[in-house]
Amino acid sequence: MKDFIDDHIDLWARELPEMDLRVEAVATRLHVLTKYLDRRRDAVLAGHGLQWWEFKTLHMLRRGGSPYRATPGELASQLNLSPATLTNRLDALVRQGYVVRENDRDDRRKVVAMLTEAGLEIWQQGIGDISRVEQELVGELSRTEQDQLIVLLRRLVLATDRP
């Protein structure tokens, strides 16, 4: 079975015969799949009135476990953001009622951001819909194929960590 990327590869085979077409085929397909998942993710989040950056901030709070709280510094580091950018994001999430800021119970000088019940609920809705999108796509492969793909992709990801 052929896909539209095969036509792309055929074109480059004629135009640049020295090009490594296997690399082009893999890289282009990874790019197409990433764009597809980004579009679908953004669409399901929009259905909940969320943008990706909002969801990602809620996600970082949620992944820390109950009571779903972190310092702004921890969040900025996890999200690879400047403190000023994170402050603006938290301000927006506070206005929406998804996050509150509180003084840390152990050190009143520290401020922590914490998911509200509404924030946890909207995150759960978003993650559920995102998971369904991902399951729908990956479900095109058998479990054996999924396991093989995991091994192959892990090797590529590990290669990105090398200097």
N, C-alpha and C. Protein backbone atom coordinates (compact mmCIF):
# COMPACT_ATOMS: atom_id res chain seq x y z
N MET A 1 0.85 -1.18 0.00
CA MET A 1 0.00 0.00 0.00
C MET A 1 0.90 1.24 0.00
N LYS A 2 0.52 2.23 -0.77
CA LYS A 2 1.30 3.46 -0.86
C LYS A 2 0.55 4.60 -0.18
N ASP A 3 1.33 5.58 0.29
CA ASP A 3 0.74 6.79 0.82
C ASP A 3 1.28 7.98 0.04
N PHE A 4 0.83 9.17 0.36
CA PHE A 4 1.23 10.35 -0.40
C PHE A 4 2.72 10.67 -0.25
N ILE A 5 3.32 10.15 0.80
CA ILE A 5 4.75 10.40 0.99
C ILE A 5 5.57 9.60 -0.03
N ASP A 6 5.04 8.47 -0.46
CA ASP A 6 5.74 7.71 -1.51
C ASP A 6 5.89 8.56 -2.77
N ASP A 7 4.88 9.36 -3.11
CA ASP A 7 4.99 10.26 -4.26
C ASP A 7 6.07 11.30 -4.03
N HIS A 8 6.14 11.81 -2.82
CA HIS A 8 7.18 12.78 -2.43
C HIS A 8 8.56 12.14 -2.61
N ILE A 9 8.71 10.91 -2.16
CA ILE A 9 9.99 10.20 -2.26
C ILE A 9 10.35 9.95 -3.72
N ASP A 10 9.36 9.56 -4.51
CA ASP A 10 9.61 9.32 -5.95
C ASP A 10 10.11 10.59 -6.63
N LEU A 11 9.53 11.72 -6.26
CA LEU A 11 9.96 12.99 -6.85
C LEU A 11 11.42 13.26 -6.52
N TRP A 12 11.78 13.10 -5.25
CA TRP A 12 13.15 13.38 -4.85
C TRP A 12 14.12 12.35 -5.40
N ALA A 13 13.66 11.15 -5.65
CA ALA A 13 14.54 10.13 -6.25
C ALA A 13 14.97 10.57 -7.64
N ARG A 14 14.06 11.22 -8.35
CA ARG A 14 14.40 11.74 -9.69
C ARG A 14 15.25 12.99 -9.60
N GLU A 15 14.92 13.88 -8.68
CA GLU A 15 15.58 15.18 -8.60
C GLU A 15 16.93 15.14 -7.89
N LEU A 16 17.01 14.33 -6.85
CA LEU A 16 18.25 14.23 -6.07
C LEU A 16 18.59 12.75 -5.86
N PRO A 17 19.10 12.10 -6.87
CA PRO A 17 19.35 10.66 -6.77
C PRO A 17 20.33 10.28 -5.66
N GLU A 18 21.17 11.23 -5.23
CA GLU A 18 22.13 10.93 -4.16
C GLU A 18 21.49 10.99 -2.77
N MET A 19 20.25 11.48 -2.67
CA MET A 19 19.56 11.61 -1.38
C MET A 19 19.29 10.22 -0.80
N ASP A 20 19.46 10.10 0.51
CA ASP A 20 19.10 8.85 1.19
C ASP A 20 17.58 8.84 1.37
N LEU A 21 16.92 8.10 0.52
CA LEU A 21 15.45 8.12 0.50
C LEU A 21 14.83 7.43 1.70
N ARG A 22 15.53 6.50 2.29
CA ARG A 22 15.01 5.88 3.51
C ARG A 22 14.91 6.92 4.63
N VAL A 23 15.97 7.70 4.77
CA VAL A 23 15.96 8.75 5.81
C VAL A 23 14.84 9.74 5.53
N GLU A 24 14.71 10.16 4.28
CA GLU A 24 13.65 11.10 3.91
C GLU A 24 12.27 10.50 4.19
N ALA A 25 12.09 9.22 3.90
CA ALA A 25 10.81 8.56 4.12
C ALA A 25 10.46 8.50 5.61
N VAL A 26 11.45 8.18 6.44
CA VAL A 26 11.20 8.11 7.88
C VAL A 26 10.94 9.50 8.44
N ALA A 27 11.84 10.45 8.16
CA ALA A 27 11.73 11.80 8.72
C ALA A 27 10.42 12.47 8.29
N THR A 28 10.05 12.32 7.03
CA THR A 28 8.82 12.95 6.54
C THR A 28 7.60 12.33 7.20
N ARG A 29 7.59 11.01 7.35
CA ARG A 29 6.44 10.36 7.99
C ARG A 29 6.35 10.76 9.47
N LEU A 30 7.48 10.85 10.16
CA LEU A 30 7.45 11.31 11.56
C LEU A 30 6.88 12.72 11.64
N HIS A 31 7.30 13.56 10.71
CA HIS A 31 6.80 14.95 10.68
C HIS A 31 5.29 14.98 10.43
N VAL A 32 4.81 14.21 9.49
CA VAL A 32 3.37 14.18 9.17
C VAL A 32 2.58 13.68 10.38
N LEU A 33 3.08 12.63 11.04
CA LEU A 33 2.38 12.10 12.21
C LEU A 33 2.35 13.11 13.36
N THR A 34 3.46 13.82 13.57
CA THR A 34 3.50 14.84 14.61
C THR A 34 2.50 15.95 14.33
N LYS A 35 2.46 16.42 13.09
CA LYS A 35 1.50 17.48 12.73
C LYS A 35 0.07 16.99 12.91
N TYR A 36 -0.21 15.75 12.52
CA TYR A 36 -1.54 15.18 12.66
C TYR A 36 -1.96 15.16 14.14
N LEU A 37 -1.07 14.64 14.99
CA LEU A 37 -1.40 14.58 16.41
C LEU A 37 -1.55 15.97 17.01
N ASP A 38 -0.71 16.92 16.60
CA ASP A 38 -0.84 18.30 17.08
C ASP A 38 -2.20 18.89 16.70
N ARG A 39 -2.60 18.71 15.45
CA ARG A 39 -3.90 19.25 14.99
C ARG A 39 -5.06 18.62 15.75
N ARG A 40 -5.02 17.30 15.89
CA ARG A 40 -6.11 16.62 16.59
C ARG A 40 -6.15 16.99 18.06
N ARG A 41 -4.98 17.09 18.69
CA ARG A 41 -4.90 17.48 20.10
C ARG A 41 -5.46 18.88 20.29
N ASP A 42 -5.03 19.81 19.44
CA ASP A 42 -5.50 21.18 19.54
C ASP A 42 -7.02 21.26 19.36
N ALA A 43 -7.55 20.44 18.45
CA ALA A 43 -9.00 20.45 18.20
C ALA A 43 -9.77 19.93 19.41
N VAL A 44 -9.30 18.84 20.02
CA VAL A 44 -10.05 18.34 21.18
C VAL A 44 -9.92 19.28 22.36
N LEU A 45 -8.76 19.90 22.53
CA LEU A 45 -8.62 20.85 23.63
C LEU A 45 -9.48 22.09 23.40
N ALA A 46 -9.56 22.54 22.16
CA ALA A 46 -10.41 23.69 21.84
C ALA A 46 -11.87 23.38 22.20
N GLY A 47 -12.26 22.13 22.05
CA GLY A 47 -13.61 21.72 22.44
C GLY A 47 -13.87 21.90 23.92
N HIS A 48 -12.82 21.96 24.70
CA HIS A 48 -12.93 22.20 26.14
C HIS A 48 -12.57 23.64 26.49
N GLY A 49 -12.34 24.46 25.47
CA GLY A 49 -11.99 25.85 25.71
C GLY A 49 -10.56 26.03 26.17
N LEU A 50 -9.70 25.07 25.86
CA LEU A 50 -8.30 25.13 26.30
C LEU A 50 -7.35 25.26 25.12
N GLN A 51 -6.25 25.91 25.37
CA GLN A 51 -5.15 25.92 24.42
C GLN A 51 -4.08 24.97 24.95
N TRP A 52 -3.15 24.56 24.06
CA TRP A 52 -2.13 23.59 24.45
C TRP A 52 -1.34 24.05 25.67
N TRP A 53 -0.92 25.32 25.69
CA TRP A 53 -0.10 25.79 26.80
C TRP A 53 -0.85 25.73 28.12
N GLU A 54 -2.16 25.97 28.09
CA GLU A 54 -2.96 25.88 29.31
C GLU A 54 -3.00 24.43 29.80
N PHE A 55 -3.30 23.54 28.86
CA PHE A 55 -3.37 22.13 29.21
C PHE A 55 -2.03 21.64 29.75
N LYS A 56 -0.94 22.02 29.08
CA LYS A 56 0.39 21.55 29.48
C LYS A 56 0.74 22.02 30.90
N THR A 57 0.35 23.24 31.25
CA THR A 57 0.61 23.74 32.60
C THR A 57 -0.21 22.95 33.63
N LEU A 58 -1.48 22.71 33.32
CA LEU A 58 -2.31 21.88 34.21
C LEU A 58 -1.73 20.47 34.32
N HIS A 59 -1.24 19.97 33.19
CA HIS A 59 -0.66 18.63 33.13
C HIS A 59 0.55 18.51 34.06
N MET A 60 1.39 19.52 34.08
CA MET A 60 2.57 19.50 34.95
C MET A 60 2.17 19.51 36.43
N LEU A 61 1.12 20.24 36.75
CA LEU A 61 0.63 20.23 38.13
C LEU A 61 0.05 18.86 38.47
N ARG A 62 -0.69 18.28 37.55
CA ARG A 62 -1.34 16.99 37.81
C ARG A 62 -0.33 15.85 37.94
N ARG A 63 0.71 15.89 37.14
CA ARG A 63 1.63 14.75 37.13
C ARG A 63 2.45 14.64 38.42
N GLY A 64 2.48 15.69 39.20
CA GLY A 64 3.20 15.64 40.46
C GLY A 64 2.48 14.85 41.54
N GLY A 65 1.25 14.44 41.28
CA GLY A 65 0.47 13.69 42.26
C GLY A 65 -0.23 14.62 43.24
N SER A 66 -1.17 14.03 43.94
CA SER A 66 -1.95 14.79 44.92
C SER A 66 -1.01 15.38 45.96
N PRO A 67 -1.18 16.62 46.33
CA PRO A 67 -2.29 17.53 46.13
C PRO A 67 -2.18 18.43 44.89
N TYR A 68 -1.43 17.99 43.87
CA TYR A 68 -1.35 18.69 42.57
C TYR A 68 -0.87 20.14 42.72
N ARG A 69 0.31 20.28 43.28
CA ARG A 69 0.86 21.61 43.52
C ARG A 69 2.34 21.62 43.20
N ALA A 70 2.82 22.80 42.86
CA ALA A 70 4.24 23.00 42.58
C ALA A 70 4.56 24.48 42.72
N THR A 71 5.81 24.78 42.96
CA THR A 71 6.21 26.18 43.00
C THR A 71 6.29 26.70 41.57
N PRO A 72 6.14 27.99 41.38
CA PRO A 72 6.30 28.56 40.04
C PRO A 72 7.68 28.23 39.46
N GLY A 73 8.71 28.21 40.29
CA GLY A 73 10.04 27.87 39.80
C GLY A 73 10.11 26.45 39.26
N GLU A 74 9.48 25.52 39.97
CA GLU A 74 9.45 24.13 39.51
C GLU A 74 8.71 24.03 38.17
N LEU A 75 7.56 24.70 38.08
CA LEU A 75 6.79 24.67 36.84
C LEU A 75 7.56 25.30 35.68
N ALA A 76 8.21 26.43 35.94
CA ALA A 76 8.98 27.10 34.89
C ALA A 76 10.07 26.16 34.37
N SER A 77 10.72 25.47 35.28
CA SER A 77 11.78 24.53 34.89
C SER A 77 11.20 23.36 34.08
N GLN A 78 10.12 22.77 34.55
CA GLN A 78 9.50 21.63 33.86
C GLN A 78 9.01 22.00 32.47
N LEU A 79 8.51 23.23 32.32
CA LEU A 79 7.95 23.68 31.04
C LEU A 79 8.98 24.42 30.19
N ASN A 80 10.19 24.57 30.73
CA ASN A 80 11.26 25.28 30.03
C ASN A 80 10.84 26.70 29.66
N LEU A 81 10.31 27.40 30.66
CA LEU A 81 9.82 28.77 30.47
C LEU A 81 10.56 29.72 31.39
N SER A 82 10.55 30.98 31.01
CA SER A 82 11.09 32.00 31.91
C SER A 82 10.08 32.21 33.04
N PRO A 83 10.55 32.68 34.19
CA PRO A 83 9.62 32.96 35.29
C PRO A 83 8.53 33.95 34.90
N ALA A 84 8.86 34.96 34.10
CA ALA A 84 7.85 35.96 33.70
C ALA A 84 6.77 35.33 32.83
N THR A 85 7.18 34.47 31.90
CA THR A 85 6.20 33.79 31.04
C THR A 85 5.29 32.90 31.87
N LEU A 86 5.89 32.17 32.81
CA LEU A 86 5.09 31.29 33.65
C LEU A 86 4.12 32.10 34.50
N THR A 87 4.55 33.23 35.03
CA THR A 87 3.66 34.08 35.82
C THR A 87 2.45 34.49 35.01
N ASN A 88 2.66 34.88 33.76
CA ASN A 88 1.53 35.26 32.89
C ASN A 88 0.59 34.08 32.67
N ARG A 89 1.15 32.91 32.48
CA ARG A 89 0.31 31.72 32.27
C ARG A 89 -0.48 31.38 33.52
N LEU A 90 0.18 31.43 34.66
CA LEU A 90 -0.54 31.16 35.91
C LEU A 90 -1.63 32.19 36.15
N ASP A 91 -1.34 33.46 35.88
CA ASP A 91 -2.37 34.50 36.03
C ASP A 91 -3.61 34.15 35.22
N ALA A 92 -3.42 33.73 33.98
CA ALA A 92 -4.56 33.37 33.12
C ALA A 92 -5.32 32.18 33.68
N LEU A 93 -4.61 31.18 34.16
CA LEU A 93 -5.26 29.99 34.71
C LEU A 93 -5.97 30.29 36.02
N VAL A 94 -5.44 31.22 36.80
CA VAL A 94 -6.12 31.66 38.03
C VAL A 94 -7.43 32.35 37.67
N ARG A 95 -7.39 33.24 36.66
CA ARG A 95 -8.61 33.95 36.24
C ARG A 95 -9.69 32.97 35.77
N GLN A 96 -9.27 31.87 35.17
CA GLN A 96 -10.24 30.88 34.69
C GLN A 96 -10.73 29.95 35.79
N GLY A 97 -10.11 30.04 36.96
CA GLY A 97 -10.52 29.21 38.08
C GLY A 97 -9.90 27.82 38.07
N TYR A 98 -8.87 27.59 37.27
CA TYR A 98 -8.24 26.27 37.17
C TYR A 98 -7.08 26.10 38.13
N VAL A 99 -6.53 27.20 38.61
CA VAL A 99 -5.36 27.18 39.49
C VAL A 99 -5.56 28.23 40.57
N VAL A 100 -5.05 27.95 41.75
CA VAL A 100 -4.96 28.97 42.81
C VAL A 100 -3.50 29.05 43.24
N ARG A 101 -3.17 30.22 43.76
CA ARG A 101 -1.84 30.40 44.36
C ARG A 101 -2.04 30.47 45.87
N GLU A 102 -1.17 29.78 46.58
CA GLU A 102 -1.23 29.78 48.04
C GLU A 102 0.17 29.89 48.60
N ASN A 103 0.28 30.31 49.84
CA ASN A 103 1.56 30.23 50.53
C ASN A 103 1.79 28.77 50.91
N ASP A 104 3.02 28.35 50.79
CA ASP A 104 3.39 26.99 51.15
C ASP A 104 3.14 26.77 52.64
N ARG A 105 2.57 25.63 52.99
CA ARG A 105 2.26 25.34 54.39
C ARG A 105 3.52 25.25 55.25
N ASP A 106 4.61 24.73 54.65
CA ASP A 106 5.84 24.54 55.42
C ASP A 106 6.73 25.78 55.46
N ASP A 107 6.60 26.62 54.45
CA ASP A 107 7.43 27.83 54.37
C ASP A 107 6.57 28.94 53.80
N ARG A 108 6.02 29.77 54.66
CA ARG A 108 5.06 30.80 54.25
C ARG A 108 5.66 31.81 53.26
N ARG A 109 6.99 31.85 53.15
CA ARG A 109 7.62 32.76 52.18
C ARG A 109 7.47 32.26 50.75
N LYS A 110 7.26 30.95 50.60
CA LYS A 110 7.13 30.36 49.27
C LYS A 110 5.68 30.34 48.82
N VAL A 111 5.48 30.57 47.52
CA VAL A 111 4.15 30.48 46.92
C VAL A 111 4.11 29.20 46.09
N VAL A 112 2.98 28.53 46.14
CA VAL A 112 2.78 27.35 45.31
C VAL A 112 1.53 27.56 44.46
N ALA A 113 1.55 26.95 43.28
CA ALA A 113 0.36 26.92 42.42
C ALA A 113 -0.28 25.55 42.63
N MET A 114 -1.60 25.54 42.67
CA MET A 114 -2.31 24.29 42.94
C MET A 114 -3.53 24.19 42.03
N LEU A 115 -3.76 22.98 41.52
CA LEU A 115 -4.96 22.74 40.71
C LEU A 115 -6.19 22.90 41.57
N THR A 116 -7.21 23.53 41.02
CA THR A 116 -8.51 23.57 41.69
C THR A 116 -9.29 22.34 41.23
N GLU A 117 -10.44 22.14 41.81
CA GLU A 117 -11.31 21.05 41.36
C GLU A 117 -11.66 21.22 39.88
N ALA A 118 -11.97 22.48 39.49
CA ALA A 118 -12.29 22.75 38.08
C ALA A 118 -11.08 22.48 37.18
N GLY A 119 -9.88 22.82 37.66
CA GLY A 119 -8.67 22.57 36.89
C GLY A 119 -8.42 21.09 36.70
N LEU A 120 -8.61 20.32 37.76
CA LEU A 120 -8.44 18.87 37.66
C LEU A 120 -9.48 18.27 36.72
N GLU A 121 -10.70 18.75 36.81
CA GLU A 121 -11.77 18.22 35.95
C GLU A 121 -11.50 18.51 34.47
N ILE A 122 -11.10 19.74 34.15
CA ILE A 122 -10.86 20.08 32.75
C ILE A 122 -9.63 19.32 32.24
N TRP A 123 -8.64 19.11 33.09
CA TRP A 123 -7.47 18.33 32.69
C TRP A 123 -7.89 16.89 32.40
N GLN A 124 -8.73 16.30 33.25
CA GLN A 124 -9.18 14.92 33.05
C GLN A 124 -9.96 14.79 31.74
N GLN A 125 -10.79 15.76 31.44
CA GLN A 125 -11.53 15.72 30.18
C GLN A 125 -10.55 15.80 28.99
N GLY A 126 -9.61 16.73 29.08
CA GLY A 126 -8.64 16.90 28.00
C GLY A 126 -7.77 15.68 27.79
N ILE A 127 -7.25 15.11 28.88
CA ILE A 127 -6.36 13.95 28.75
C ILE A 127 -7.12 12.76 28.22
N GLY A 128 -8.38 12.63 28.61
CA GLY A 128 -9.20 11.53 28.09
C GLY A 128 -9.39 11.63 26.58
N ASP A 129 -9.68 12.82 26.11
CA ASP A 129 -9.88 13.01 24.67
C ASP A 129 -8.57 12.87 23.89
N ILE A 130 -7.48 13.39 24.44
CA ILE A 130 -6.18 13.25 23.78
C ILE A 130 -5.80 11.76 23.71
N SER A 131 -6.04 11.04 24.78
CA SER A 131 -5.72 9.60 24.81
C SER A 131 -6.52 8.85 23.75
N ARG A 132 -7.79 9.21 23.58
CA ARG A 132 -8.61 8.55 22.56
C ARG A 132 -8.05 8.80 21.15
N VAL A 133 -7.62 10.04 20.89
CA VAL A 133 -7.03 10.37 19.59
C VAL A 133 -5.78 9.52 19.35
N GLU A 134 -4.92 9.43 20.37
CA GLU A 134 -3.69 8.66 20.24
C GLU A 134 -3.97 7.17 20.09
N GLN A 135 -4.94 6.66 20.85
CA GLN A 135 -5.30 5.25 20.76
C GLN A 135 -5.87 4.92 19.38
N GLU A 136 -6.65 5.84 18.85
CA GLU A 136 -7.23 5.65 17.52
C GLU A 136 -6.12 5.49 16.47
N LEU A 137 -5.11 6.34 16.54
CA LEU A 137 -4.03 6.27 15.57
C LEU A 137 -3.16 5.03 15.78
N VAL A 138 -2.69 4.83 16.99
CA VAL A 138 -1.80 3.70 17.27
C VAL A 138 -2.53 2.37 17.12
N GLY A 139 -3.84 2.39 17.30
CA GLY A 139 -4.65 1.19 17.14
C GLY A 139 -4.66 0.65 15.72
N GLU A 140 -4.15 1.43 14.77
CA GLU A 140 -4.02 0.94 13.39
C GLU A 140 -2.96 -0.16 13.30
N LEU A 141 -2.13 -0.26 14.33
CA LEU A 141 -1.09 -1.28 14.36
C LEU A 141 -1.48 -2.39 15.32
N SER A 142 -1.01 -3.61 15.04
CA SER A 142 -1.24 -4.71 15.98
C SER A 142 -0.40 -4.46 17.23
N ARG A 143 -0.67 -5.19 18.29
CA ARG A 143 0.11 -5.03 19.51
C ARG A 143 1.58 -5.37 19.26
N THR A 144 1.83 -6.38 18.45
CA THR A 144 3.21 -6.74 18.12
C THR A 144 3.89 -5.60 17.37
N GLU A 145 3.18 -5.01 16.41
CA GLU A 145 3.73 -3.88 15.67
C GLU A 145 3.97 -2.67 16.58
N GLN A 146 3.04 -2.44 17.51
CA GLN A 146 3.22 -1.35 18.47
C GLN A 146 4.48 -1.57 19.30
N ASP A 147 4.68 -2.81 19.76
CA ASP A 147 5.87 -3.12 20.55
C ASP A 147 7.14 -2.90 19.72
N GLN A 148 7.13 -3.30 18.47
CA GLN A 148 8.28 -3.10 17.60
C GLN A 148 8.55 -1.61 17.39
N LEU A 149 7.49 -0.84 17.18
CA LEU A 149 7.64 0.59 16.96
C LEU A 149 8.19 1.28 18.21
N ILE A 150 7.74 0.85 19.37
CA ILE A 150 8.25 1.42 20.62
C ILE A 150 9.76 1.22 20.71
N VAL A 151 10.23 0.03 20.40
CA VAL A 151 11.67 -0.26 20.46
C VAL A 151 12.42 0.62 19.47
N LEU A 152 11.92 0.74 18.27
CA LEU A 152 12.60 1.53 17.24
C LEU A 152 12.61 3.02 17.58
N LEU A 153 11.48 3.53 18.01
CA LEU A 153 11.41 4.95 18.36
C LEU A 153 12.27 5.25 19.58
N ARG A 154 12.31 4.34 20.53
CA ARG A 154 13.17 4.53 21.71
C ARG A 154 14.61 4.70 21.27
N ARG A 155 15.05 3.88 20.34
CA ARG A 155 16.43 3.99 19.84
C ARG A 155 16.69 5.36 19.23
N LEU A 156 15.73 5.86 18.49
CA LEU A 156 15.89 7.20 17.90
C LEU A 156 15.91 8.29 18.97
N VAL A 157 15.03 8.17 19.95
CA VAL A 157 14.99 9.16 21.03
C VAL A 157 16.31 9.13 21.81
N LEU A 158 16.82 7.95 22.11
CA LEU A 158 18.09 7.85 22.83
C LEU A 158 19.22 8.48 22.02
N ALA A 159 19.15 8.38 20.71
CA ALA A 159 20.17 8.99 19.85
C ALA A 159 20.16 10.50 19.98
N THR A 160 19.03 11.09 20.33
CA THR A 160 18.96 12.56 20.47
C THR A 160 19.65 13.03 21.75
N ASP A 161 19.90 12.12 22.69
CA ASP A 161 20.55 12.48 23.94
C ASP A 161 22.07 12.46 23.84
N ARG A 162 22.59 11.87 22.78
CA ARG A 162 24.05 11.81 22.63
C ARG A 162 24.59 13.16 22.19
N PRO A 163 25.81 13.47 22.66
CA PRO A 163 26.41 14.76 22.27
C PRO A 163 26.75 14.81 20.78
